[in-house]
Amino acid sequence: MCLYVVGMGGGDGQPGGDSGIHLAVGDAKGLSRRRKERDPKAVGKLEASDDGGMFFMVTDPEGNKLKIMQSTN
């Protein structure tokens, strides 16, 4: 996991809406699929990142977001 300051790179987060936390996983595609099976409304589209990795967003009931990503490294 890594932290960053909202508005200082690493995403388009807004104070009060984006947690500023990314969770790194080894299989973003598989985790996205499993999460969608449990709660399809909470899981965003699996997308490619600029570094060639993959990521998706998970939203909690209050609208806070967590980015789950798989790096190419």
C-alpha atoms as a PDB file:
ATOM      1  CA  MET A   1       0.000   0.000   0.000  1.00  0.00           C
ATOM      2  CA  CYS A   2       1.133   3.535  -0.559  1.00  0.00           C
ATOM      3  CA  LEU A   3      -0.159   6.947   0.448  1.00  0.00           C
ATOM      4  CA  TYR A   4      -0.110  10.152  -1.541  1.00  0.00           C
ATOM      5  CA  VAL A   5      -1.346  13.679  -1.025  1.00  0.00           C
ATOM      6  CA  VAL A   6      -4.632  14.291  -2.840  1.00  0.00           C
ATOM      7  CA  GLY A   7      -4.054  16.665  -5.765  1.00  0.00           C
ATOM      8  CA  MET A   8      -0.286  16.029  -5.818  1.00  0.00           C
ATOM      9  CA  GLY A   9      -0.236  13.221  -8.408  1.00  0.00           C
ATOM     10  CA  GLY A  10      -1.146   9.563  -8.413  1.00  0.00           C
ATOM     11  CA  GLY A  11      -4.803  10.043  -9.269  1.00  0.00           C
ATOM     12  CA  ASP A  12      -7.680  12.470  -9.524  1.00  0.00           C
ATOM     13  CA  GLY A  13      -8.795  12.217  -5.896  1.00  0.00           C
ATOM     14  CA  GLN A  14     -10.777  14.900  -4.140  1.00  0.00           C
ATOM     15  CA  PRO A  15     -10.667  15.552  -0.396  1.00  0.00           C
ATOM     16  CA  GLY A  16     -13.513  13.686   1.283  1.00  0.00           C
ATOM     17  CA  GLY A  17     -14.073  11.328  -1.638  1.00  0.00           C
ATOM     18  CA  ASP A  18     -10.821   9.523  -2.382  1.00  0.00           C
ATOM     19  CA  SER A  19      -8.940   7.827   0.431  1.00  0.00           C
ATOM     20  CA  GLY A  20      -5.563   8.438  -1.174  1.00  0.00           C
ATOM     21  CA  ILE A  21      -4.675   4.794  -0.625  1.00  0.00           C
ATOM     22  CA  HIS A  22      -3.802   2.293  -3.323  1.00  0.00           C
ATOM     23  CA  LEU A  23      -3.779  -1.443  -2.699  1.00  0.00           C
ATOM     24  CA  ALA A  24      -1.318  -3.419  -4.830  1.00  0.00           C
ATOM     25  CA  VAL A  25      -2.324  -6.967  -5.789  1.00  0.00           C
ATOM     26  CA  GLY A  26      -0.839  -9.720  -7.943  1.00  0.00           C
ATOM     27  CA  ASP A  27      -4.001 -10.474  -9.959  1.00  0.00           C
ATOM     28  CA  ALA A  28      -6.173  -7.386 -10.501  1.00  0.00           C
ATOM     29  CA  LYS A  29      -8.260  -9.096 -13.179  1.00  0.00           C
ATOM     30  CA  GLY A  30      -9.118 -12.060 -10.945  1.00  0.00           C
ATOM     31  CA  LEU A  31      -9.820  -9.923  -7.883  1.00  0.00           C
ATOM     32  CA  SER A  32     -12.007  -7.569  -9.916  1.00  0.00           C
ATOM     33  CA  ARG A  33     -14.043 -10.512 -11.186  1.00  0.00           C
ATOM     34  CA  ARG A  34     -14.482 -11.988  -7.689  1.00  0.00           C
ATOM     35  CA  ARG A  35     -15.456  -8.613  -6.176  1.00  0.00           C
ATOM     36  CA  LYS A  36     -18.001  -7.980  -8.959  1.00  0.00           C
ATOM     37  CA  GLU A  37     -19.607 -11.346  -8.188  1.00  0.00           C
ATOM     38  CA  ARG A  38     -20.135 -10.212  -4.570  1.00  0.00           C
ATOM     39  CA  ASP A  39     -21.081  -6.551  -5.140  1.00  0.00           C
ATOM     40  CA  PRO A  40     -21.244  -5.454  -8.791  1.00  0.00           C
ATOM     41  CA  LYS A  41     -22.296  -1.860  -8.002  1.00  0.00           C
ATOM     42  CA  ALA A  42     -19.197  -1.247  -5.837  1.00  0.00           C
ATOM     43  CA  VAL A  43     -16.598  -2.285  -8.418  1.00  0.00           C
ATOM     44  CA  GLY A  44     -15.475  -0.084 -11.284  1.00  0.00           C
ATOM     45  CA  LYS A  45     -14.241  -1.067 -14.712  1.00  0.00           C
ATOM     46  CA  LEU A  46     -10.863  -2.811 -14.987  1.00  0.00           C
ATOM     47  CA  GLU A  47      -8.587  -0.347 -16.785  1.00  0.00           C
ATOM     48  CA  ALA A  48      -5.025  -0.162 -18.088  1.00  0.00           C
ATOM     49  CA  SER A  49      -2.695   2.284 -16.340  1.00  0.00           C
ATOM     50  CA  ASP A  50      -0.054   4.455 -17.997  1.00  0.00           C
ATOM     51  CA  ASP A  51       2.747   2.142 -16.786  1.00  0.00           C
ATOM     52  CA  GLY A  52       1.179  -0.907 -18.452  1.00  0.00           C
ATOM     53  CA  GLY A  53      -0.424  -2.236 -15.285  1.00  0.00           C
ATOM     54  CA  MET A  54      -4.118  -2.659 -14.509  1.00  0.00           C
ATOM     55  CA  PHE A  55      -6.423  -1.124 -11.910  1.00  0.00           C
ATOM     56  CA  PHE A  56     -10.019  -0.799 -10.783  1.00  0.00           C
ATOM     57  CA  MET A  57     -11.807   1.303  -8.194  1.00  0.00           C
ATOM     58  CA  VAL A  58     -13.929   0.003  -5.320  1.00  0.00           C
ATOM     59  CA  THR A  59     -16.499   2.346  -3.750  1.00  0.00           C
ATOM     60  CA  ASP A  60     -17.917   1.950  -0.246  1.00  0.00           C
ATOM     61  CA  PRO A  61     -21.520   2.874   0.723  1.00  0.00           C
ATOM     62  CA  GLU A  62     -20.459   6.460   1.597  1.00  0.00           C
ATOM     63  CA  GLY A  63     -18.854   6.972  -1.814  1.00  0.00           C
ATOM     64  CA  ASN A  64     -15.223   6.731  -0.661  1.00  0.00           C
ATOM     65  CA  LYS A  65     -12.929   5.111  -3.226  1.00  0.00           C
ATOM     66  CA  LEU A  66     -10.004   2.705  -3.043  1.00  0.00           C
ATOM     67  CA  LYS A  67      -7.817   2.054  -6.083  1.00  0.00           C
ATOM     68  CA  ILE A  68      -6.716  -1.558  -6.438  1.00  0.00           C
ATOM     69  CA  MET A  69      -3.831  -1.936  -8.846  1.00  0.00           C
ATOM     70  CA  GLN A  70      -1.483  -4.449 -10.381  1.00  0.00           C
ATOM     71  CA  SER A  71       1.861  -3.055 -11.421  1.00  0.00           C
ATOM     72  CA  THR A  72       4.021  -4.419 -14.223  1.00  0.00           C
ATOM     73  CA  ASN A  73       7.026  -4.452 -11.853  1.00  0.00           C
END
